[in-house]
Amino acid sequence: MTHTLNIQTATVNTHSGDWQIPAYLAQPISAGPFPVVVVIQEIFGVNAHIRDVTERIAKEGYIAIAPHIYHRQVPYFEVGYSDADVVLGRQYKNGTQADELLSDIQAAIDYARTLANAKPTGVGCIGFCFGGHVTYLAATLKDVIAAADFYGAGVTTLQPGREQPTVTLTPQITGTLYGFFGSEDPLIPNQQVDEIEAALQQHAIPHQIFRYAGATHGFFCDRRASYHPEAAADAWERVKTLFSEKL
């Protein structure tokens, strides 16, 4: 069933240790209660696309919150998709640390749960590009019971600020993880997708891995040349199913 809930949006401040981390918040206007979903940006920041996704999720009946995960390095980072933007976004990606990312995501969860219309139960997480990788990382948080990783590169080869790649944390995943990958993605060889799936199977993590023929990196973003409408539409329906069944 398609929801058409009226929503309201705002930029709010969460508290992560000594840091104040801003986040884009979208929530239904009605009383709820509604489950919480954390939205994790691409390397391009909490830009128009990420705000749009956050609003789409809220319209489905969730409190959606997108923390600015680069804020410790640069306030309110937001760029487009030019080659120069990619270089800049990757620069800040390389400056992130897993401990800080987890702290900032937990801060977003904690803030959202203070809202009067929030369910106090387990939360969802969805992320794209670098945010997909961070979503895999966030799936180890005890509060995250449903995670959707969209083409998160580097899960099998690195972890921000740590020596062991993020895939080694797979046994710590506390809920269900869905992964969405394009078969033509040059940043995530199909072999790496196989390695992710094997790790999830080995550790008996509830999961589904979706592979889209002809799709490449960024296929969900309708503002990028790599947008693949059919893959994006199918993935969106599967995300809605994941969240409606688990949250």
C-alpha atoms as a PDB file:
ATOM      1  CA  MET A   1       0.000   0.000   0.000  1.00  0.00           C
ATOM      2  CA  THR A   2       1.318   3.422  -0.932  1.00  0.00           C
ATOM      3  CA  HIS A   3       1.260   6.043   1.820  1.00  0.00           C
ATOM      4  CA  THR A   4       0.746   9.710   1.073  1.00  0.00           C
ATOM      5  CA  LEU A   5       1.392  11.181   4.486  1.00  0.00           C
ATOM      6  CA  ASN A   6       1.918  14.893   4.870  1.00  0.00           C
ATOM      7  CA  ILE A   7       5.341  15.651   6.310  1.00  0.00           C
ATOM      8  CA  GLN A   8       7.364  18.453   7.821  1.00  0.00           C
ATOM      9  CA  THR A   9      11.112  19.003   7.523  1.00  0.00           C
ATOM     10  CA  ALA A  10      13.793  20.803   9.501  1.00  0.00           C
ATOM     11  CA  THR A  11      17.522  20.883  10.129  1.00  0.00           C
ATOM     12  CA  VAL A  12      18.172  19.838  13.732  1.00  0.00           C
ATOM     13  CA  ASN A  13      21.240  19.462  15.922  1.00  0.00           C
ATOM     14  CA  THR A  14      22.208  16.150  17.482  1.00  0.00           C
ATOM     15  CA  HIS A  15      24.862  15.641  20.150  1.00  0.00           C
ATOM     16  CA  SER A  16      27.702  13.213  19.519  1.00  0.00           C
ATOM     17  CA  GLY A  17      30.160  13.403  22.384  1.00  0.00           C
ATOM     18  CA  ASP A  18      31.430  16.991  22.461  1.00  0.00           C
ATOM     19  CA  TRP A  19      30.271  17.575  18.907  1.00  0.00           C
ATOM     20  CA  GLN A  20      27.016  19.080  17.705  1.00  0.00           C
ATOM     21  CA  ILE A  21      26.162  17.308  14.456  1.00  0.00           C
ATOM     22  CA  PRO A  22      23.390  18.758  12.265  1.00  0.00           C
ATOM     23  CA  ALA A  23      20.920  16.466  10.551  1.00  0.00           C
ATOM     24  CA  TYR A  24      18.103  16.838   8.042  1.00  0.00           C
ATOM     25  CA  LEU A  25      14.858  15.618   9.604  1.00  0.00           C
ATOM     26  CA  ALA A  26      11.646  14.673   7.805  1.00  0.00           C
ATOM     27  CA  GLN A  27       8.661  13.299   9.689  1.00  0.00           C
ATOM     28  CA  PRO A  28       4.922  12.802   9.279  1.00  0.00           C
ATOM     29  CA  ILE A  29       2.792  15.548  10.761  1.00  0.00           C
ATOM     30  CA  SER A  30       0.374  13.097  12.374  1.00  0.00           C
ATOM     31  CA  ALA A  31       0.778  11.653  15.868  1.00  0.00           C
ATOM     32  CA  GLY A  32       2.173   8.231  14.988  1.00  0.00           C
ATOM     33  CA  PRO A  33       4.024   6.560  16.538  1.00  0.00           C
ATOM     34  CA  PHE A  34       6.441   6.016  13.658  1.00  0.00           C
ATOM     35  CA  PRO A  35       9.655   3.970  13.387  1.00  0.00           C
ATOM     36  CA  VAL A  36      12.954   5.792  12.884  1.00  0.00           C
ATOM     37  CA  VAL A  37      15.122   5.448   9.756  1.00  0.00           C
ATOM     38  CA  VAL A  38      18.614   6.966   9.468  1.00  0.00           C
ATOM     39  CA  VAL A  39      19.610   8.055   5.943  1.00  0.00           C
ATOM     40  CA  ILE A  40      23.340   8.133   5.163  1.00  0.00           C
ATOM     41  CA  GLN A  41      24.636  10.456   2.464  1.00  0.00           C
ATOM     42  CA  GLU A  42      26.765   9.770  -0.583  1.00  0.00           C
ATOM     43  CA  ILE A  43      30.192  11.405  -0.759  1.00  0.00           C
ATOM     44  CA  PHE A  44      28.343  14.491  -2.029  1.00  0.00           C
ATOM     45  CA  GLY A  45      26.892  15.375   1.362  1.00  0.00           C
ATOM     46  CA  VAL A  46      23.318  15.894   2.507  1.00  0.00           C
ATOM     47  CA  ASN A  47      22.387  17.399  -0.845  1.00  0.00           C
ATOM     48  CA  ALA A  48      19.087  17.670  -2.716  1.00  0.00           C
ATOM     49  CA  HIS A  49      19.021  13.959  -3.564  1.00  0.00           C
ATOM     50  CA  ILE A  50      19.576  12.839   0.019  1.00  0.00           C
ATOM     51  CA  ARG A  51      16.973  15.316   1.280  1.00  0.00           C
ATOM     52  CA  ASP A  52      14.553  13.950  -1.313  1.00  0.00           C
ATOM     53  CA  VAL A  53      15.166  10.347  -0.205  1.00  0.00           C
ATOM     54  CA  THR A  54      14.707  11.397   3.417  1.00  0.00           C
ATOM     55  CA  GLU A  55      11.370  12.988   2.546  1.00  0.00           C
ATOM     56  CA  ARG A  56      10.249   9.966   0.503  1.00  0.00           C
ATOM     57  CA  ILE A  57      10.883   7.718   3.475  1.00  0.00           C
ATOM     58  CA  ALA A  58       8.978  10.046   5.800  1.00  0.00           C
ATOM     59  CA  LYS A  59       5.989  10.006   3.447  1.00  0.00           C
ATOM     60  CA  GLU A  60       5.933   6.213   3.822  1.00  0.00           C
ATOM     61  CA  GLY A  61       5.343   6.565   7.560  1.00  0.00           C
ATOM     62  CA  TYR A  62       8.772   6.906   9.150  1.00  0.00           C
ATOM     63  CA  ILE A  63      10.765   9.518  11.009  1.00  0.00           C
ATOM     64  CA  ALA A  64      13.737   9.917   8.673  1.00  0.00           C
ATOM     65  CA  ILE A  65      16.937  11.653   9.731  1.00  0.00           C
ATOM     66  CA  ALA A  66      20.077  12.273   7.664  1.00  0.00           C
ATOM     67  CA  PRO A  67      23.122  13.315   9.720  1.00  0.00           C
ATOM     68  CA  HIS A  68      25.876  15.394   8.145  1.00  0.00           C
ATOM     69  CA  ILE A  69      28.622  12.787   8.493  1.00  0.00           C
ATOM     70  CA  TYR A  70      31.343  15.145   7.173  1.00  0.00           C
ATOM     71  CA  HIS A  71      30.506  17.874   9.701  1.00  0.00           C
ATOM     72  CA  ARG A  72      33.609  17.251  11.820  1.00  0.00           C
ATOM     73  CA  GLN A  73      35.682  18.274   8.795  1.00  0.00           C
ATOM     74  CA  VAL A  74      33.458  20.770   6.972  1.00  0.00           C
ATOM     75  CA  PRO A  75      30.104  22.283   8.048  1.00  0.00           C
ATOM     76  CA  TYR A  76      26.985  21.523   5.993  1.00  0.00           C
ATOM     77  CA  PHE A  77      28.873  19.970   3.099  1.00  0.00           C
ATOM     78  CA  GLU A  78      26.765  19.741  -0.061  1.00  0.00           C
ATOM     79  CA  VAL A  79      27.947  19.498  -3.675  1.00  0.00           C
ATOM     80  CA  GLY A  80      26.797  18.219  -7.059  1.00  0.00           C
ATOM     81  CA  TYR A  81      28.260  15.495  -9.252  1.00  0.00           C
ATOM     82  CA  SER A  82      31.061  17.081 -11.268  1.00  0.00           C
ATOM     83  CA  ASP A  83      34.523  15.561 -11.411  1.00  0.00           C
ATOM     84  CA  ALA A  84      35.732  18.250  -9.012  1.00  0.00           C
ATOM     85  CA  ASP A  85      32.879  17.417  -6.619  1.00  0.00           C
ATOM     86  CA  VAL A  86      33.877  13.751  -6.689  1.00  0.00           C
ATOM     87  CA  VAL A  87      37.462  14.636  -5.780  1.00  0.00           C
ATOM     88  CA  LEU A  88      36.324  16.837  -2.913  1.00  0.00           C
ATOM     89  CA  GLY A  89      33.794  14.312  -1.630  1.00  0.00           C
ATOM     90  CA  ARG A  90      36.392  11.556  -1.619  1.00  0.00           C
ATOM     91  CA  GLN A  91      38.818  13.804   0.237  1.00  0.00           C
ATOM     92  CA  TYR A  92      36.361  14.157   3.114  1.00  0.00           C
ATOM     93  CA  LYS A  93      35.408  10.485   2.926  1.00  0.00           C
ATOM     94  CA  ASN A  94      39.057   9.633   3.499  1.00  0.00           C
ATOM     95  CA  GLY A  95      39.030  11.842   6.597  1.00  0.00           C
ATOM     96  CA  THR A  96      36.275   9.934   8.376  1.00  0.00           C
ATOM     97  CA  GLN A  97      36.775   7.508  11.260  1.00  0.00           C
ATOM     98  CA  ALA A  98      34.577   4.493  12.011  1.00  0.00           C
ATOM     99  CA  ASP A  99      34.221   5.356  15.703  1.00  0.00           C
ATOM    100  CA  GLU A 100      33.077   8.878  14.879  1.00  0.00           C
ATOM    101  CA  LEU A 101      30.681   7.708  12.187  1.00  0.00           C
ATOM    102  CA  LEU A 102      29.070   5.234  14.585  1.00  0.00           C
ATOM    103  CA  SER A 103      28.832   7.900  17.279  1.00  0.00           C
ATOM    104  CA  ASP A 104      27.197  10.375  14.904  1.00  0.00           C
ATOM    105  CA  ILE A 105      24.678   7.797  13.669  1.00  0.00           C
ATOM    106  CA  GLN A 106      23.831   6.803  17.240  1.00  0.00           C
ATOM    107  CA  ALA A 107      23.358  10.493  18.037  1.00  0.00           C
ATOM    108  CA  ALA A 108      20.855  10.772  15.168  1.00  0.00           C
ATOM    109  CA  ILE A 109      18.995   7.730  16.486  1.00  0.00           C
ATOM    110  CA  ASP A 110      18.941   9.098  20.015  1.00  0.00           C
ATOM    111  CA  TYR A 111      17.664  12.477  18.836  1.00  0.00           C
ATOM    112  CA  ALA A 112      14.897  10.994  16.700  1.00  0.00           C
ATOM    113  CA  ARG A 113      13.730   8.831  19.575  1.00  0.00           C
ATOM    114  CA  THR A 114      13.124  11.929  21.712  1.00  0.00           C
ATOM    115  CA  LEU A 115      10.372  13.036  19.337  1.00  0.00           C
ATOM    116  CA  ALA A 116       6.849  12.588  20.632  1.00  0.00           C
ATOM    117  CA  ASN A 117       5.729  10.609  17.567  1.00  0.00           C
ATOM    118  CA  ALA A 118       8.705   8.190  17.503  1.00  0.00           C
ATOM    119  CA  LYS A 119       8.521   4.489  18.249  1.00  0.00           C
ATOM    120  CA  PRO A 120      11.086   3.463  20.876  1.00  0.00           C
ATOM    121  CA  THR A 121      11.793   0.201  19.022  1.00  0.00           C
ATOM    122  CA  GLY A 122      14.575  -0.842  16.638  1.00  0.00           C
ATOM    123  CA  VAL A 123      15.451   1.471  13.763  1.00  0.00           C
ATOM    124  CA  GLY A 124      16.280   1.243  10.094  1.00  0.00           C
ATOM    125  CA  CYS A 125      19.275   2.570   8.189  1.00  0.00           C
ATOM    126  CA  ILE A 126      19.734   3.239   4.477  1.00  0.00           C
ATOM    127  CA  GLY A 127      22.794   4.632   2.734  1.00  0.00           C
ATOM    128  CA  PHE A 128      24.156   5.222  -0.742  1.00  0.00           C
ATOM    129  CA  CYS A 129      27.685   5.175  -2.188  1.00  0.00           C
ATOM    130  CA  PHE A 130      30.013   5.796   0.781  1.00  0.00           C
ATOM    131  CA  GLY A 131      26.828   5.916   2.842  1.00  0.00           C
ATOM    132  CA  GLY A 132      26.133   2.342   1.773  1.00  0.00           C
ATOM    133  CA  HIS A 133      29.455   1.321   3.260  1.00  0.00           C
ATOM    134  CA  VAL A 134      28.664   3.287   6.409  1.00  0.00           C
ATOM    135  CA  THR A 135      25.276   1.562   6.570  1.00  0.00           C
ATOM    136  CA  TYR A 136      27.040  -1.811   6.650  1.00  0.00           C
ATOM    137  CA  LEU A 137      29.099  -0.427   9.520  1.00  0.00           C
ATOM    138  CA  ALA A 138      25.993   0.970  11.249  1.00  0.00           C
ATOM    139  CA  ALA A 139      24.288  -2.408  11.012  1.00  0.00           C
ATOM    140  CA  THR A 140      26.536  -3.455  13.916  1.00  0.00           C
ATOM    141  CA  LEU A 141      24.747  -1.000  16.226  1.00  0.00           C
ATOM    142  CA  LYS A 142      22.302  -2.807  18.487  1.00  0.00           C
ATOM    143  CA  ASP A 143      19.504  -0.364  17.651  1.00  0.00           C
ATOM    144  CA  VAL A 144      19.722  -0.977  13.882  1.00  0.00           C
ATOM    145  CA  ILE A 145      17.522  -3.944  12.998  1.00  0.00           C
ATOM    146  CA  ALA A 146      17.047  -3.291   9.255  1.00  0.00           C
ATOM    147  CA  ALA A 147      19.805  -1.941   6.988  1.00  0.00           C
ATOM    148  CA  ALA A 148      19.828  -1.195   3.257  1.00  0.00           C
ATOM    149  CA  ASP A 149      23.287  -0.833   1.685  1.00  0.00           C
ATOM    150  CA  PHE A 150      23.149   0.749  -1.782  1.00  0.00           C
ATOM    151  CA  TYR A 151      26.401   0.133  -3.664  1.00  0.00           C
ATOM    152  CA  GLY A 152      28.642   0.683  -0.660  1.00  0.00           C
ATOM    153  CA  ALA A 153      32.159   0.425  -2.071  1.00  0.00           C
ATOM    154  CA  GLY A 154      35.148  -0.850  -0.122  1.00  0.00           C
ATOM    155  CA  VAL A 155      33.294  -3.023   2.401  1.00  0.00           C
ATOM    156  CA  THR A 156      35.669  -5.912   1.699  1.00  0.00           C
ATOM    157  CA  THR A 157      38.848  -3.840   1.388  1.00  0.00           C
ATOM    158  CA  LEU A 158      38.825  -1.034   3.976  1.00  0.00           C
ATOM    159  CA  GLN A 159      37.220   0.492   7.050  1.00  0.00           C
ATOM    160  CA  PRO A 160      37.435   4.213   7.844  1.00  0.00           C
ATOM    161  CA  GLY A 161      40.345   4.776  10.200  1.00  0.00           C
ATOM    162  CA  ARG A 162      40.866   1.103  11.005  1.00  0.00           C
ATOM    163  CA  GLU A 163      43.090  -1.642   9.657  1.00  0.00           C
ATOM    164  CA  GLN A 164      40.567  -4.448   9.146  1.00  0.00           C
ATOM    165  CA  PRO A 165      37.920  -4.042   6.415  1.00  0.00           C
ATOM    166  CA  THR A 166      34.323  -3.500   7.416  1.00  0.00           C
ATOM    167  CA  VAL A 167      33.304  -6.970   6.220  1.00  0.00           C
ATOM    168  CA  THR A 168      35.179  -8.401   9.224  1.00  0.00           C
ATOM    169  CA  LEU A 169      32.488  -6.865  11.438  1.00  0.00           C
ATOM    170  CA  THR A 170      29.770  -8.977   9.798  1.00  0.00           C
ATOM    171  CA  PRO A 171      29.338 -11.228  12.890  1.00  0.00           C
ATOM    172  CA  GLN A 172      28.343  -8.103  14.858  1.00  0.00           C
ATOM    173  CA  ILE A 173      25.388  -7.236  12.605  1.00  0.00           C
ATOM    174  CA  THR A 174      22.313  -7.287  14.809  1.00  0.00           C
ATOM    175  CA  GLY A 175      19.440  -7.373  12.304  1.00  0.00           C
ATOM    176  CA  THR A 176      18.614  -7.879   8.619  1.00  0.00           C
ATOM    177  CA  LEU A 177      20.778  -6.430   5.847  1.00  0.00           C
ATOM    178  CA  TYR A 178      19.805  -5.889   2.221  1.00  0.00           C
ATOM    179  CA  GLY A 179      22.488  -5.057  -0.353  1.00  0.00           C
ATOM    180  CA  PHE A 180      21.815  -3.441  -3.745  1.00  0.00           C
ATOM    181  CA  PHE A 181      24.499  -3.541  -6.429  1.00  0.00           C
ATOM    182  CA  GLY A 182      24.834  -2.872 -10.138  1.00  0.00           C
ATOM    183  CA  SER A 183      26.516  -5.587 -12.176  1.00  0.00           C
ATOM    184  CA  GLU A 184      28.421  -2.926 -14.143  1.00  0.00           C
ATOM    185  CA  ASP A 185      29.681  -0.982 -11.119  1.00  0.00           C
ATOM    186  CA  PRO A 186      33.425  -0.309 -11.644  1.00  0.00           C
ATOM    187  CA  LEU A 187      33.866   0.615  -7.969  1.00  0.00           C
ATOM    188  CA  ILE A 188      32.494  -2.689  -6.668  1.00  0.00           C
ATOM    189  CA  PRO A 189      33.668  -5.712  -8.665  1.00  0.00           C
ATOM    190  CA  ASN A 190      31.176  -8.561  -8.689  1.00  0.00           C
ATOM    191  CA  GLN A 191      33.730 -10.649  -6.793  1.00  0.00           C
ATOM    192  CA  GLN A 192      33.453  -8.230  -3.862  1.00  0.00           C
ATOM    193  CA  VAL A 193      29.675  -8.592  -3.865  1.00  0.00           C
ATOM    194  CA  ASP A 194      30.214 -12.356  -3.743  1.00  0.00           C
ATOM    195  CA  GLU A 195      32.540 -11.897  -0.750  1.00  0.00           C
ATOM    196  CA  ILE A 196      29.938  -9.806   1.086  1.00  0.00           C
ATOM    197  CA  GLU A 197      27.238 -12.372   0.426  1.00  0.00           C
ATOM    198  CA  ALA A 198      29.520 -15.210   1.552  1.00  0.00           C
ATOM    199  CA  ALA A 199      30.299 -13.402   4.820  1.00  0.00           C
ATOM    200  CA  LEU A 200      26.618 -12.829   5.539  1.00  0.00           C
ATOM    201  CA  GLN A 201      25.881 -16.477   4.831  1.00  0.00           C
ATOM    202  CA  GLN A 202      28.818 -17.715   6.897  1.00  0.00           C
ATOM    203  CA  HIS A 203      27.667 -15.794   9.963  1.00  0.00           C
ATOM    204  CA  ALA A 204      23.969 -16.549   9.456  1.00  0.00           C
ATOM    205  CA  ILE A 205      22.997 -12.879   9.133  1.00  0.00           C
ATOM    206  CA  PRO A 206      19.468 -12.468   7.701  1.00  0.00           C
ATOM    207  CA  HIS A 207      20.053 -10.850   4.339  1.00  0.00           C
ATOM    208  CA  GLN A 208      19.228 -10.476   0.687  1.00  0.00           C
ATOM    209  CA  ILE A 209      21.632  -9.327  -2.024  1.00  0.00           C
ATOM    210  CA  PHE A 210      20.137  -7.799  -5.161  1.00  0.00           C
ATOM    211  CA  ARG A 211      22.200  -7.508  -8.337  1.00  0.00           C
ATOM    212  CA  TYR A 212      20.946  -5.392 -11.226  1.00  0.00           C
ATOM    213  CA  ALA A 213      22.119  -6.254 -14.726  1.00  0.00           C
ATOM    214  CA  GLY A 214      23.186  -3.211 -16.713  1.00  0.00           C
ATOM    215  CA  ALA A 215      23.223  -0.913 -13.679  1.00  0.00           C
ATOM    216  CA  THR A 216      26.325   0.898 -12.477  1.00  0.00           C
ATOM    217  CA  HIS A 217      27.368   2.946  -9.453  1.00  0.00           C
ATOM    218  CA  GLY A 218      24.784   5.485  -8.315  1.00  0.00           C
ATOM    219  CA  PHE A 219      21.897   3.811 -10.137  1.00  0.00           C
ATOM    220  CA  PHE A 220      19.342   4.981  -7.560  1.00  0.00           C
ATOM    221  CA  CYS A 221      20.101   8.702  -7.917  1.00  0.00           C
ATOM    222  CA  ASP A 222      17.900  10.390 -10.518  1.00  0.00           C
ATOM    223  CA  ARG A 223      20.253  13.373 -10.587  1.00  0.00           C
ATOM    224  CA  ARG A 224      23.211  11.366 -11.874  1.00  0.00           C
ATOM    225  CA  ALA A 225      23.977  10.142 -15.383  1.00  0.00           C
ATOM    226  CA  SER A 226      24.187   6.625 -13.944  1.00  0.00           C
ATOM    227  CA  TYR A 227      20.496   6.632 -12.949  1.00  0.00           C
ATOM    228  CA  HIS A 228      18.808   3.336 -13.876  1.00  0.00           C
ATOM    229  CA  PRO A 229      15.025   3.795 -13.533  1.00  0.00           C
ATOM    230  CA  GLU A 230      14.085   0.131 -13.549  1.00  0.00           C
ATOM    231  CA  ALA A 231      16.709  -0.896 -11.012  1.00  0.00           C
ATOM    232  CA  ALA A 232      15.886   2.112  -8.826  1.00  0.00           C
ATOM    233  CA  ALA A 233      12.161   1.333  -8.860  1.00  0.00           C
ATOM    234  CA  ASP A 234      12.694  -2.328  -7.975  1.00  0.00           C
ATOM    235  CA  ALA A 235      15.146  -1.469  -5.193  1.00  0.00           C
ATOM    236  CA  TRP A 236      12.772   1.097  -3.697  1.00  0.00           C
ATOM    237  CA  GLU A 237       9.964  -1.450  -3.463  1.00  0.00           C
ATOM    238  CA  ARG A 238      12.304  -3.911  -1.753  1.00  0.00           C
ATOM    239  CA  VAL A 239      13.432  -1.277   0.742  1.00  0.00           C
ATOM    240  CA  LYS A 240       9.830  -0.462   1.564  1.00  0.00           C
ATOM    241  CA  THR A 241       9.181  -4.157   2.144  1.00  0.00           C
ATOM    242  CA  LEU A 242      12.250  -4.483   4.378  1.00  0.00           C
ATOM    243  CA  PHE A 243      11.258  -1.573   6.578  1.00  0.00           C
ATOM    244  CA  SER A 244       7.563  -2.439   6.730  1.00  0.00           C
ATOM    245  CA  GLU A 245       8.321  -6.025   7.779  1.00  0.00           C
ATOM    246  CA  LYS A 246      11.107  -5.303  10.287  1.00  0.00           C
ATOM    247  CA  LEU A 247      10.340  -1.910  11.844  1.00  0.00           C
END
